[in-house]
């Protein structure tokens, strides 16, 4: 049910709202993560929009990851998501996704959508491991390179369908 696996290399982080003071560290992570990074003006333009939210993953006093997303009526759309290269594969991204999944509900926003570059294979594997699936190919989505994008979707109902069958079978065996 959208649980996040923990391992020995799990780095515990605190995921909180992004504030202005975080911008230098966020920009550093952005530049270390992408060939075509957002600049500060792009972050500010997006975050000024009423339905856009920025969050950071903090470990001690250091920002080790961030995400920017839009709230829509029935979905959360991730616009930017990155973990500092030194802190990858330590559970930071998993904890950030878990925070987003925790904002979902069957009644209202029940999915998370995002676009990923076709060449960003590590991110594709990461999102797949988190329960996302590729649902579309958008030709020439990225204007800077003309690169195609994969539209990926996490649907809350997909993760809730298997467990109820097990619960019902067990409940039947117990006379429930």
Foldseek 3Di string as FASTA:
>chain_A
DLDFDADPLAQDWDKDFDDPVCVVQAQVQQVQPDPDGDDPVVVVVQCVDPQKTKIFTHRVNHTFWIWIWGDDWAAIETDDTGGRPVCPPRCRSSVVVSVVCVPADPVTHFKYKYKDFPPPVVVVVVVVVSQKDFDDKAALPPVVVRTIITIIMHGNVVVVPPVVVVVVVVCVVVVD
